[in-house]
Amino acid sequence: MPDTTGELYTPDNFKDYVTVVFFGFTQCPDICPTALAEMAQTMELLEEKANDVKVVFISVDPERDTPEVLAPYVTAFHPDFIGLTGSDEQLEQAADSFKIHYEKVPNKAGDDYTMDHSASFYVFDKQAKPRLLIPGDAPAEEIASDLKELL
């Protein structure tokens, strides 16, 4: 999928880094901002080791999460966080590869919607191989401890 500048990201972009992937959307009222805040705190706990970690937020709402919306959202949590958003087809392919669920859920009035989605951190080692699945509500201390094992 492309990042907010249009650069196409593949697993090769993340070799030599421990990579943490989280699926979400910018208008999420609680789960996504809490998860990204925990990841920002995790990066602080890792100190200089954070340079070897990439955090990737993949939007499940490409209709609203344009690059112009997504870029300031992810970097508000941490300047090095990467936001990916693309077409519905690109999202479907990414979601299938991660085996995540996402679904548009209209509100009762039918004039707006929210997104239902899986909420876990997918962690890849420096060879871009999947290694850990961490609950999205895990505290920063636990995430940092797990990531240190891979660094």
Foldseek 3Di string as FASTA:
>chain_A
DAWLVRDDDDLVVLAQAKEKEWEEALVDDPLVVLLLLQVLVLLVVLPPSSVRYEYEYEYPCLVPPHSVNVQVRNCVNPVRHIYDHDDNVVSVVVCVVVVKDKDWAADPVRPDTHMDIAGWIFIAANRSHTDDTGGSNDGSVVVNVVVVVRD
